[in-house]
């Protein structure tokens, strides 16, 4: 009889829902029939993420009767289909703040780029920038520098307003790897980071009950086999609970909202033909190609 070791959920191929185990996927798309049918206006949240706690048994049951596919045989999409908003935490690692302050190619004399998150606050990324690891990053402005940034992405599981840090993790649905791709320049972050394909989420969603403590996770990214960034989430200036507290003091957080927690030092340029490989401990790893528009 089949029982999953971890609840790792993915979207793949033509918006199929999968349960990941080791190097295989079991198709559990039938579970989506349990989601309510809603008419316009559509909800602002992700209905699947909102209902995930009540769907867990159904997912396991569907997986038992599903044949397994190899991960290498499917196209992995973003594990979150309909986030209401994608929030970014800029300069949330001290060493990254130091490198941004020291390099004019990164800050472009914009004082907001040289402030820690306490002063600069969050920025928002367009939902249309979101893709999965199999969909590639597309360089839209080859005349300008575009950088990779690897981050732990936090997916909100239920409505949250003014949540204290001590309770914040109770509002998390799960975690995935996030790539916050950025064009360098003087414009506002939200413009430069909202280009199509510039928010990569994957390879799957690890549910919060499988990852109780996100505060001590190694993360890294290599480009063409060269290690660019390597850090641990314990080095965050504001940890995940504090980020949720901060964000929920300004925004109402809804199921499916994505919080990118910040990137460490070592950001560097990418160009068409490059291959990025990102790893976060206890979450997974993913390979993302870069191509020309």
C-alpha atoms as a PDB file:
ATOM      1  CA  UNK A   1       0.000   0.000   0.000  1.00  0.00           C
ATOM      2  CA  UNK A   2       1.281   3.487  -0.883  1.00  0.00           C
ATOM      3  CA  UNK A   3       1.981   6.118   1.765  1.00  0.00           C
ATOM      4  CA  UNK A   4       3.970   9.285   1.027  1.00  0.00           C
ATOM      5  CA  UNK A   5       7.088   9.976   3.058  1.00  0.00           C
ATOM      6  CA  UNK A   6       6.679  13.723   2.665  1.00  0.00           C
ATOM      7  CA  UNK A   7       3.865  15.929   1.423  1.00  0.00           C
ATOM      8  CA  UNK A   8       5.521  17.504  -1.588  1.00  0.00           C
ATOM      9  CA  UNK A   9       3.019  18.880  -4.067  1.00  0.00           C
ATOM     10  CA  UNK A  10       3.709  20.072  -7.583  1.00  0.00           C
ATOM     11  CA  UNK A  11       1.967  21.352 -10.682  1.00  0.00           C
ATOM     12  CA  UNK A  12       3.162  19.669 -13.871  1.00  0.00           C
ATOM     13  CA  UNK A  13       2.532  19.362 -17.602  1.00  0.00           C
ATOM     14  CA  UNK A  14      -0.942  20.724 -18.448  1.00  0.00           C
ATOM     15  CA  UNK A  15      -1.724  22.003 -14.944  1.00  0.00           C
ATOM     16  CA  UNK A  16      -1.837  18.542 -13.412  1.00  0.00           C
ATOM     17  CA  UNK A  17      -1.512  18.177  -9.622  1.00  0.00           C
ATOM     18  CA  UNK A  18       1.149  15.761  -8.456  1.00  0.00           C
ATOM     19  CA  UNK A  19       2.408  14.238  -5.223  1.00  0.00           C
ATOM     20  CA  UNK A  20       6.185  13.820  -5.323  1.00  0.00           C
ATOM     21  CA  UNK A  21       8.071  10.932  -3.765  1.00  0.00           C
ATOM     22  CA  UNK A  22      11.773  10.544  -4.412  1.00  0.00           C
ATOM     23  CA  UNK A  23      12.181  10.674  -8.208  1.00  0.00           C
ATOM     24  CA  UNK A  24       8.557   9.990  -9.109  1.00  0.00           C
ATOM     25  CA  UNK A  25       5.239  11.812  -9.282  1.00  0.00           C
ATOM     26  CA  UNK A  26       1.782  10.405  -8.699  1.00  0.00           C
ATOM     27  CA  UNK A  27      -1.034  12.239 -10.459  1.00  0.00           C
ATOM     28  CA  UNK A  28      -3.646  13.357  -7.904  1.00  0.00           C
ATOM     29  CA  UNK A  29      -5.454  15.848 -10.136  1.00  0.00           C
ATOM     30  CA  UNK A  30      -8.780  14.203  -9.295  1.00  0.00           C
ATOM     31  CA  UNK A  31      -8.605  15.900  -5.892  1.00  0.00           C
ATOM     32  CA  UNK A  32      -9.242  19.248  -7.592  1.00  0.00           C
ATOM     33  CA  UNK A  33     -12.832  18.122  -8.202  1.00  0.00           C
ATOM     34  CA  UNK A  34     -13.381  18.787  -4.500  1.00  0.00           C
ATOM     35  CA  UNK A  35     -12.699  22.504  -4.906  1.00  0.00           C
ATOM     36  CA  UNK A  36     -15.794  24.692  -4.875  1.00  0.00           C
ATOM     37  CA  UNK A  37     -17.098  26.062  -8.153  1.00  0.00           C
ATOM     38  CA  UNK A  38     -17.211  29.827  -7.870  1.00  0.00           C
ATOM     39  CA  UNK A  39     -18.654  32.413 -10.208  1.00  0.00           C
ATOM     40  CA  UNK A  40     -17.317  35.862 -10.977  1.00  0.00           C
ATOM     41  CA  UNK A  41     -15.936  37.787  -9.162  1.00  0.00           C
ATOM     42  CA  UNK A  42     -13.211  35.231  -8.562  1.00  0.00           C
ATOM     43  CA  UNK A  43     -11.661  34.997  -5.081  1.00  0.00           C
ATOM     44  CA  UNK A  44      -8.437  36.853  -4.373  1.00  0.00           C
ATOM     45  CA  UNK A  45      -6.835  33.813  -2.778  1.00  0.00           C
ATOM     46  CA  UNK A  46      -5.695  30.434  -4.095  1.00  0.00           C
ATOM     47  CA  UNK A  47      -8.603  28.097  -3.370  1.00  0.00           C
ATOM     48  CA  UNK A  48      -6.466  24.953  -3.459  1.00  0.00           C
ATOM     49  CA  UNK A  49      -3.957  26.331  -0.932  1.00  0.00           C
ATOM     50  CA  UNK A  50      -6.825  27.531   1.274  1.00  0.00           C
ATOM     51  CA  UNK A  51      -8.350  24.043   1.328  1.00  0.00           C
ATOM     52  CA  UNK A  52      -5.085  22.096   1.501  1.00  0.00           C
ATOM     53  CA  UNK A  53      -5.393  20.966   5.157  1.00  0.00           C
ATOM     54  CA  UNK A  54      -8.777  19.375   4.457  1.00  0.00           C
ATOM     55  CA  UNK A  55      -7.551  17.760   1.213  1.00  0.00           C
ATOM     56  CA  UNK A  56      -4.555  15.924   2.629  1.00  0.00           C
ATOM     57  CA  UNK A  57      -6.313  12.576   3.129  1.00  0.00           C
ATOM     58  CA  UNK A  58      -7.873  12.793  -0.332  1.00  0.00           C
ATOM     59  CA  UNK A  59      -4.455  13.450  -1.868  1.00  0.00           C
ATOM     60  CA  UNK A  60      -2.960  10.398  -0.180  1.00  0.00           C
ATOM     61  CA  UNK A  61      -5.941   8.275  -1.255  1.00  0.00           C
ATOM     62  CA  UNK A  62      -5.663   9.437  -4.868  1.00  0.00           C
ATOM     63  CA  UNK A  63      -1.939   8.714  -4.874  1.00  0.00           C
ATOM     64  CA  UNK A  64      -2.515   5.092  -3.820  1.00  0.00           C
ATOM     65  CA  UNK A  65      -4.440   4.366  -7.006  1.00  0.00           C
ATOM     66  CA  UNK A  66      -2.231   6.432  -9.317  1.00  0.00           C
ATOM     67  CA  UNK A  67       0.632   5.071 -11.355  1.00  0.00           C
ATOM     68  CA  UNK A  68       4.002   6.732 -10.860  1.00  0.00           C
ATOM     69  CA  UNK A  69       5.729   8.927 -13.435  1.00  0.00           C
ATOM     70  CA  UNK A  70       9.397   9.825 -13.392  1.00  0.00           C
ATOM     71  CA  UNK A  71      10.124  13.417 -12.462  1.00  0.00           C
ATOM     72  CA  UNK A  72      12.454  13.626 -15.437  1.00  0.00           C
ATOM     73  CA  UNK A  73       9.530  12.914 -17.782  1.00  0.00           C
ATOM     74  CA  UNK A  74       7.311  15.854 -16.755  1.00  0.00           C
ATOM     75  CA  UNK A  75       7.442  19.650 -17.033  1.00  0.00           C
ATOM     76  CA  UNK A  76       7.362  21.228 -13.588  1.00  0.00           C
ATOM     77  CA  UNK A  77       5.279  24.402 -13.306  1.00  0.00           C
ATOM     78  CA  UNK A  78       4.990  26.763 -10.347  1.00  0.00           C
ATOM     79  CA  UNK A  79       3.603  24.816  -7.355  1.00  0.00           C
ATOM     80  CA  UNK A  80       1.363  27.802  -6.566  1.00  0.00           C
ATOM     81  CA  UNK A  81      -1.107  28.511  -9.358  1.00  0.00           C
ATOM     82  CA  UNK A  82      -2.993  31.607  -8.216  1.00  0.00           C
ATOM     83  CA  UNK A  83      -1.191  33.772  -5.654  1.00  0.00           C
ATOM     84  CA  UNK A  84      -2.990  36.996  -4.816  1.00  0.00           C
ATOM     85  CA  UNK A  85       0.378  38.724  -4.470  1.00  0.00           C
ATOM     86  CA  UNK A  86       4.083  37.994  -4.521  1.00  0.00           C
ATOM     87  CA  UNK A  87       6.017  39.961  -1.894  1.00  0.00           C
ATOM     88  CA  UNK A  88       9.768  40.453  -1.910  1.00  0.00           C
ATOM     89  CA  UNK A  89      12.013  41.179   1.065  1.00  0.00           C
ATOM     90  CA  UNK A  90      14.976  43.205  -0.233  1.00  0.00           C
ATOM     91  CA  UNK A  91      18.442  43.213   1.342  1.00  0.00           C
ATOM     92  CA  UNK A  92      17.503  40.801   4.125  1.00  0.00           C
ATOM     93  CA  UNK A  93      21.007  39.321   4.485  1.00  0.00           C
ATOM     94  CA  UNK A  94      23.661  41.623   5.963  1.00  0.00           C
ATOM     95  CA  UNK A  95      26.407  40.463   3.578  1.00  0.00           C
ATOM     96  CA  UNK A  96      24.147  41.105   0.590  1.00  0.00           C
ATOM     97  CA  UNK A  97      23.399  44.586   1.935  1.00  0.00           C
ATOM     98  CA  UNK A  98      27.162  45.152   2.175  1.00  0.00           C
ATOM     99  CA  UNK A  99      27.762  44.081  -1.435  1.00  0.00           C
ATOM    100  CA  UNK A 100      24.869  46.181  -2.748  1.00  0.00           C
ATOM    101  CA  UNK A 101      26.109  49.267  -0.898  1.00  0.00           C
ATOM    102  CA  UNK A 102      29.635  48.781  -2.247  1.00  0.00           C
ATOM    103  CA  UNK A 103      28.732  48.192  -5.912  1.00  0.00           C
ATOM    104  CA  UNK A 104      27.221  51.034  -7.998  1.00  0.00           C
ATOM    105  CA  UNK A 105      26.130  48.433 -10.575  1.00  0.00           C
ATOM    106  CA  UNK A 106      23.749  47.100  -7.941  1.00  0.00           C
ATOM    107  CA  UNK A 107      22.464  50.239  -6.211  1.00  0.00           C
ATOM    108  CA  UNK A 108      22.528  52.846  -9.061  1.00  0.00           C
ATOM    109  CA  UNK A 109      22.614  55.654  -6.474  1.00  0.00           C
ATOM    110  CA  UNK A 110      19.145  54.692  -5.270  1.00  0.00           C
ATOM    111  CA  UNK A 111      19.235  55.116  -1.487  1.00  0.00           C
ATOM    112  CA  UNK A 112      16.357  52.676  -1.050  1.00  0.00           C
ATOM    113  CA  UNK A 113      18.631  49.944  -2.438  1.00  0.00           C
ATOM    114  CA  UNK A 114      21.216  50.622   0.258  1.00  0.00           C
ATOM    115  CA  UNK A 115      18.880  50.242   3.230  1.00  0.00           C
ATOM    116  CA  UNK A 116      18.100  47.094   5.201  1.00  0.00           C
ATOM    117  CA  UNK A 117      14.587  45.715   5.055  1.00  0.00           C
ATOM    118  CA  UNK A 118      13.589  47.598   8.228  1.00  0.00           C
ATOM    119  CA  UNK A 119      13.881  50.855   6.293  1.00  0.00           C
ATOM    120  CA  UNK A 120      13.089  49.798   2.718  1.00  0.00           C
ATOM    121  CA  UNK A 121      10.092  47.536   3.405  1.00  0.00           C
ATOM    122  CA  UNK A 122       8.677  45.048   0.913  1.00  0.00           C
ATOM    123  CA  UNK A 123       8.186  45.294  -2.832  1.00  0.00           C
ATOM    124  CA  UNK A 124       5.523  43.555  -4.924  1.00  0.00           C
ATOM    125  CA  UNK A 125       6.118  41.443  -8.021  1.00  0.00           C
ATOM    126  CA  UNK A 126       3.545  41.007 -10.777  1.00  0.00           C
ATOM    127  CA  UNK A 127       1.840  37.601 -10.787  1.00  0.00           C
ATOM    128  CA  UNK A 128       2.488  37.459 -14.527  1.00  0.00           C
ATOM    129  CA  UNK A 129       6.217  37.118 -13.795  1.00  0.00           C
ATOM    130  CA  UNK A 130       5.724  33.699 -12.183  1.00  0.00           C
ATOM    131  CA  UNK A 131       6.842  30.446 -13.835  1.00  0.00           C
ATOM    132  CA  UNK A 132       8.003  26.979 -12.843  1.00  0.00           C
ATOM    133  CA  UNK A 133      11.506  25.529 -13.199  1.00  0.00           C
ATOM    134  CA  UNK A 134      10.770  23.840 -16.549  1.00  0.00           C
ATOM    135  CA  UNK A 135       9.622  27.060 -18.208  1.00  0.00           C
ATOM    136  CA  UNK A 136      12.986  28.887 -18.353  1.00  0.00           C
ATOM    137  CA  UNK A 137      13.959  32.473 -17.597  1.00  0.00           C
ATOM    138  CA  UNK A 138      13.654  34.627 -20.713  1.00  0.00           C
ATOM    139  CA  UNK A 139      15.982  37.639 -21.025  1.00  0.00           C
ATOM    140  CA  UNK A 140      13.794  40.469 -22.297  1.00  0.00           C
ATOM    141  CA  UNK A 141      16.395  43.271 -22.181  1.00  0.00           C
ATOM    142  CA  UNK A 142      19.748  41.818 -23.291  1.00  0.00           C
ATOM    143  CA  UNK A 143      21.307  45.310 -23.305  1.00  0.00           C
ATOM    144  CA  UNK A 144      21.026  45.461 -19.512  1.00  0.00           C
ATOM    145  CA  UNK A 145      22.458  43.355 -16.709  1.00  0.00           C
ATOM    146  CA  UNK A 146      20.114  40.679 -15.333  1.00  0.00           C
ATOM    147  CA  UNK A 147      21.045  38.852 -12.093  1.00  0.00           C
ATOM    148  CA  UNK A 148      20.042  35.652 -10.380  1.00  0.00           C
ATOM    149  CA  UNK A 149      18.865  35.673  -6.746  1.00  0.00           C
ATOM    150  CA  UNK A 150      17.994  32.492  -4.815  1.00  0.00           C
ATOM    151  CA  UNK A 151      15.605  32.695  -1.868  1.00  0.00           C
ATOM    152  CA  UNK A 152      13.424  30.606   0.417  1.00  0.00           C
ATOM    153  CA  UNK A 153       9.833  31.213  -0.709  1.00  0.00           C
ATOM    154  CA  UNK A 154       7.091  31.061   1.918  1.00  0.00           C
ATOM    155  CA  UNK A 155       3.512  30.271   0.858  1.00  0.00           C
ATOM    156  CA  UNK A 156       0.780  31.614   3.116  1.00  0.00           C
ATOM    157  CA  UNK A 157      -1.892  29.101   4.085  1.00  0.00           C
ATOM    158  CA  UNK A 158      -4.657  31.157   5.680  1.00  0.00           C
ATOM    159  CA  UNK A 159      -5.857  34.732   6.033  1.00  0.00           C
ATOM    160  CA  UNK A 160      -3.541  36.763   8.242  1.00  0.00           C
ATOM    161  CA  UNK A 161      -3.707  40.302   9.593  1.00  0.00           C
ATOM    162  CA  UNK A 162      -1.362  41.809  12.193  1.00  0.00           C
ATOM    163  CA  UNK A 163       0.042  38.399  13.117  1.00  0.00           C
ATOM    164  CA  UNK A 164       2.656  38.396  15.919  1.00  0.00           C
ATOM    165  CA  UNK A 165       5.925  36.664  15.111  1.00  0.00           C
ATOM    166  CA  UNK A 166       5.324  34.062  17.828  1.00  0.00           C
ATOM    167  CA  UNK A 167       2.259  32.799  15.922  1.00  0.00           C
ATOM    168  CA  UNK A 168       3.398  33.484  12.362  1.00  0.00           C
ATOM    169  CA  UNK A 169       4.409  29.959  11.320  1.00  0.00           C
ATOM    170  CA  UNK A 170       0.854  28.776  12.034  1.00  0.00           C
ATOM    171  CA  UNK A 171      -0.180  30.734   8.923  1.00  0.00           C
ATOM    172  CA  UNK A 172       2.269  29.026   6.540  1.00  0.00           C
ATOM    173  CA  UNK A 173       1.071  26.431   4.018  1.00  0.00           C
ATOM    174  CA  UNK A 174       4.552  25.446   2.926  1.00  0.00           C
ATOM    175  CA  UNK A 175       7.858  26.332   1.323  1.00  0.00           C
ATOM    176  CA  UNK A 176       9.563  26.178  -2.047  1.00  0.00           C
ATOM    177  CA  UNK A 177      12.639  27.540  -3.786  1.00  0.00           C
ATOM    178  CA  UNK A 178      12.266  31.010  -5.245  1.00  0.00           C
ATOM    179  CA  UNK A 179      14.402  32.725  -7.874  1.00  0.00           C
ATOM    180  CA  UNK A 180      13.922  36.494  -7.792  1.00  0.00           C
ATOM    181  CA  UNK A 181      15.426  37.454 -11.157  1.00  0.00           C
ATOM    182  CA  UNK A 182      16.315  41.151 -11.396  1.00  0.00           C
ATOM    183  CA  UNK A 183      17.210  43.660 -14.095  1.00  0.00           C
ATOM    184  CA  UNK A 184      19.701  46.164 -12.699  1.00  0.00           C
ATOM    185  CA  UNK A 185      18.925  49.836 -13.094  1.00  0.00           C
ATOM    186  CA  UNK A 186      17.594  52.982 -11.410  1.00  0.00           C
ATOM    187  CA  UNK A 187      13.889  52.117 -11.653  1.00  0.00           C
ATOM    188  CA  UNK A 188      11.700  50.876  -8.800  1.00  0.00           C
ATOM    189  CA  UNK A 189      12.260  47.256  -7.807  1.00  0.00           C
ATOM    190  CA  UNK A 190       8.721  46.190  -8.679  1.00  0.00           C
ATOM    191  CA  UNK A 191       9.255  47.175 -12.325  1.00  0.00           C
ATOM    192  CA  UNK A 192      12.684  45.589 -12.709  1.00  0.00           C
ATOM    193  CA  UNK A 193      11.676  42.351 -10.998  1.00  0.00           C
ATOM    194  CA  UNK A 194       8.258  41.849 -12.621  1.00  0.00           C
ATOM    195  CA  UNK A 195       9.405  40.956 -16.132  1.00  0.00           C
ATOM    196  CA  UNK A 196       7.750  37.814 -17.502  1.00  0.00           C
ATOM    197  CA  UNK A 197       9.489  34.641 -16.143  1.00  0.00           C
ATOM    198  CA  UNK A 198      11.424  36.624 -13.499  1.00  0.00           C
ATOM    199  CA  UNK A 199       9.788  34.830 -10.557  1.00  0.00           C
ATOM    200  CA  UNK A 200      10.626  31.123 -10.605  1.00  0.00           C
ATOM    201  CA  UNK A 201       8.972  28.927  -7.957  1.00  0.00           C
ATOM    202  CA  UNK A 202       9.653  25.236  -7.534  1.00  0.00           C
ATOM    203  CA  UNK A 203      10.312  22.476  -7.749  1.00  0.00           C
ATOM    204  CA  UNK A 204       7.339  21.702  -5.496  1.00  0.00           C
ATOM    205  CA  UNK A 205       5.618  22.844  -2.311  1.00  0.00           C
ATOM    206  CA  UNK A 206       6.872  21.188   0.880  1.00  0.00           C
ATOM    207  CA  UNK A 207       3.995  21.488   3.334  1.00  0.00           C
ATOM    208  CA  UNK A 208       4.687  23.267   6.611  1.00  0.00           C
ATOM    209  CA  UNK A 209       4.020  20.185   8.730  1.00  0.00           C
ATOM    210  CA  UNK A 210       6.965  18.518   6.978  1.00  0.00           C
ATOM    211  CA  UNK A 211       9.297  21.455   7.632  1.00  0.00           C
ATOM    212  CA  UNK A 212       8.608  22.741  11.109  1.00  0.00           C
ATOM    213  CA  UNK A 213      11.611  25.074  11.396  1.00  0.00           C
ATOM    214  CA  UNK A 214      12.669  27.198   8.389  1.00  0.00           C
ATOM    215  CA  UNK A 215      15.313  29.098  10.378  1.00  0.00           C
ATOM    216  CA  UNK A 216      18.328  26.828   9.752  1.00  0.00           C
ATOM    217  CA  UNK A 217      18.241  25.875   6.068  1.00  0.00           C
ATOM    218  CA  UNK A 218      21.276  25.867   3.783  1.00  0.00           C
ATOM    219  CA  UNK A 219      20.609  27.404   0.380  1.00  0.00           C
ATOM    220  CA  UNK A 220      22.749  27.867  -2.701  1.00  0.00           C
ATOM    221  CA  UNK A 221      22.722  28.465  -6.434  1.00  0.00           C
ATOM    222  CA  UNK A 222      25.246  27.662  -9.141  1.00  0.00           C
ATOM    223  CA  UNK A 223      25.380  29.059 -12.670  1.00  0.00           C
ATOM    224  CA  UNK A 224      26.979  26.808 -15.280  1.00  0.00           C
ATOM    225  CA  UNK A 225      28.444  24.755 -12.451  1.00  0.00           C
ATOM    226  CA  UNK A 226      30.035  27.768 -10.722  1.00  0.00           C
ATOM    227  CA  UNK A 227      28.821  28.383  -7.170  1.00  0.00           C
ATOM    228  CA  UNK A 228      27.437  31.927  -6.901  1.00  0.00           C
ATOM    229  CA  UNK A 229      25.473  32.148  -3.650  1.00  0.00           C
ATOM    230  CA  UNK A 230      25.628  30.029  -0.504  1.00  0.00           C
ATOM    231  CA  UNK A 231      24.146  30.882   2.882  1.00  0.00           C
ATOM    232  CA  UNK A 232      21.829  29.696   5.632  1.00  0.00           C
ATOM    233  CA  UNK A 233      18.444  31.145   6.596  1.00  0.00           C
ATOM    234  CA  UNK A 234      19.768  31.721  10.128  1.00  0.00           C
ATOM    235  CA  UNK A 235      21.636  34.673   8.561  1.00  0.00           C
ATOM    236  CA  UNK A 236      18.412  36.488   7.636  1.00  0.00           C
ATOM    237  CA  UNK A 237      18.151  39.952   9.189  1.00  0.00           C
ATOM    238  CA  UNK A 238      14.434  39.337   9.704  1.00  0.00           C
ATOM    239  CA  UNK A 239      13.607  35.647  10.047  1.00  0.00           C
ATOM    240  CA  UNK A 240      10.500  34.058   8.536  1.00  0.00           C
ATOM    241  CA  UNK A 241       8.238  34.728  11.573  1.00  0.00           C
ATOM    242  CA  UNK A 242       9.357  38.363  11.720  1.00  0.00           C
ATOM    243  CA  UNK A 243       8.825  38.792   7.964  1.00  0.00           C
ATOM    244  CA  UNK A 244       5.261  37.516   8.263  1.00  0.00           C
ATOM    245  CA  UNK A 245       4.647  39.814  11.220  1.00  0.00           C
ATOM    246  CA  UNK A 246       6.031  42.780   9.245  1.00  0.00           C
ATOM    247  CA  UNK A 247       4.121  41.967   6.042  1.00  0.00           C
ATOM    248  CA  UNK A 248       0.828  41.285   7.816  1.00  0.00           C
ATOM    249  CA  UNK A 249       1.044  44.647   9.575  1.00  0.00           C
ATOM    250  CA  UNK A 250       0.687  46.318   6.148  1.00  0.00           C
ATOM    251  CA  UNK A 251      -1.135  43.735   3.986  1.00  0.00           C
ATOM    252  CA  UNK A 252      -3.887  41.229   4.545  1.00  0.00           C
ATOM    253  CA  UNK A 253      -2.136  37.972   3.687  1.00  0.00           C
ATOM    254  CA  UNK A 254      -4.302  35.455   1.817  1.00  0.00           C
ATOM    255  CA  UNK A 255      -3.928  31.739   1.076  1.00  0.00           C
ATOM    256  CA  UNK A 256      -1.505  31.321  -1.789  1.00  0.00           C
ATOM    257  CA  UNK A 257       0.318  34.615  -1.261  1.00  0.00           C
ATOM    258  CA  UNK A 258       4.058  34.150  -1.736  1.00  0.00           C
ATOM    259  CA  UNK A 259       6.714  35.810   0.402  1.00  0.00           C
ATOM    260  CA  UNK A 260      10.269  35.794  -1.000  1.00  0.00           C
ATOM    261  CA  UNK A 261      12.436  36.028   2.092  1.00  0.00           C
ATOM    262  CA  UNK A 262      15.542  37.695   0.654  1.00  0.00           C
ATOM    263  CA  UNK A 263      18.726  36.664  -1.116  1.00  0.00           C
ATOM    264  CA  UNK A 264      22.279  36.325   0.233  1.00  0.00           C
ATOM    265  CA  UNK A 265      25.490  37.791  -1.159  1.00  0.00           C
ATOM    266  CA  UNK A 266      26.964  36.573  -4.433  1.00  0.00           C
ATOM    267  CA  UNK A 267      24.399  37.764  -6.970  1.00  0.00           C
ATOM    268  CA  UNK A 268      25.737  37.905 -10.504  1.00  0.00           C
ATOM    269  CA  UNK A 269      24.701  38.299 -14.135  1.00  0.00           C
ATOM    270  CA  UNK A 270      22.997  35.638 -16.213  1.00  0.00           C
ATOM    271  CA  UNK A 271      22.566  35.468 -19.984  1.00  0.00           C
ATOM    272  CA  UNK A 272      20.922  33.242 -22.597  1.00  0.00           C
ATOM    273  CA  UNK A 273      22.397  29.754 -22.582  1.00  0.00           C
ATOM    274  CA  UNK A 274      23.175  29.740 -18.865  1.00  0.00           C
ATOM    275  CA  UNK A 275      21.933  26.961 -16.599  1.00  0.00           C
ATOM    276  CA  UNK A 276      21.074  27.700 -12.963  1.00  0.00           C
ATOM    277  CA  UNK A 277      20.907  24.991 -10.308  1.00  0.00           C
ATOM    278  CA  UNK A 278      19.361  25.950  -6.957  1.00  0.00           C
ATOM    279  CA  UNK A 279      19.197  23.890  -3.752  1.00  0.00           C
ATOM    280  CA  UNK A 280      17.515  24.518  -0.417  1.00  0.00           C
ATOM    281  CA  UNK A 281      17.984  22.001   2.377  1.00  0.00           C
ATOM    282  CA  UNK A 282      14.861  19.925   3.163  1.00  0.00           C
ATOM    283  CA  UNK A 283      13.008  21.629   0.303  1.00  0.00           C
ATOM    284  CA  UNK A 284      14.636  20.292  -2.850  1.00  0.00           C
ATOM    285  CA  UNK A 285      16.642  21.328  -5.870  1.00  0.00           C
ATOM    286  CA  UNK A 286      15.798  22.561  -9.347  1.00  0.00           C
ATOM    287  CA  UNK A 287      17.520  23.337 -12.628  1.00  0.00           C
ATOM    288  CA  UNK A 288      16.399  26.387 -14.598  1.00  0.00           C
ATOM    289  CA  UNK A 289      17.600  27.344 -18.084  1.00  0.00           C
ATOM    290  CA  UNK A 290      18.057  30.890 -19.348  1.00  0.00           C
ATOM    291  CA  UNK A 291      17.163  31.736 -22.931  1.00  0.00           C
ATOM    292  CA  UNK A 292      16.732  34.697 -25.219  1.00  0.00           C
ATOM    293  CA  UNK A 293      13.335  36.242 -25.933  1.00  0.00           C
END
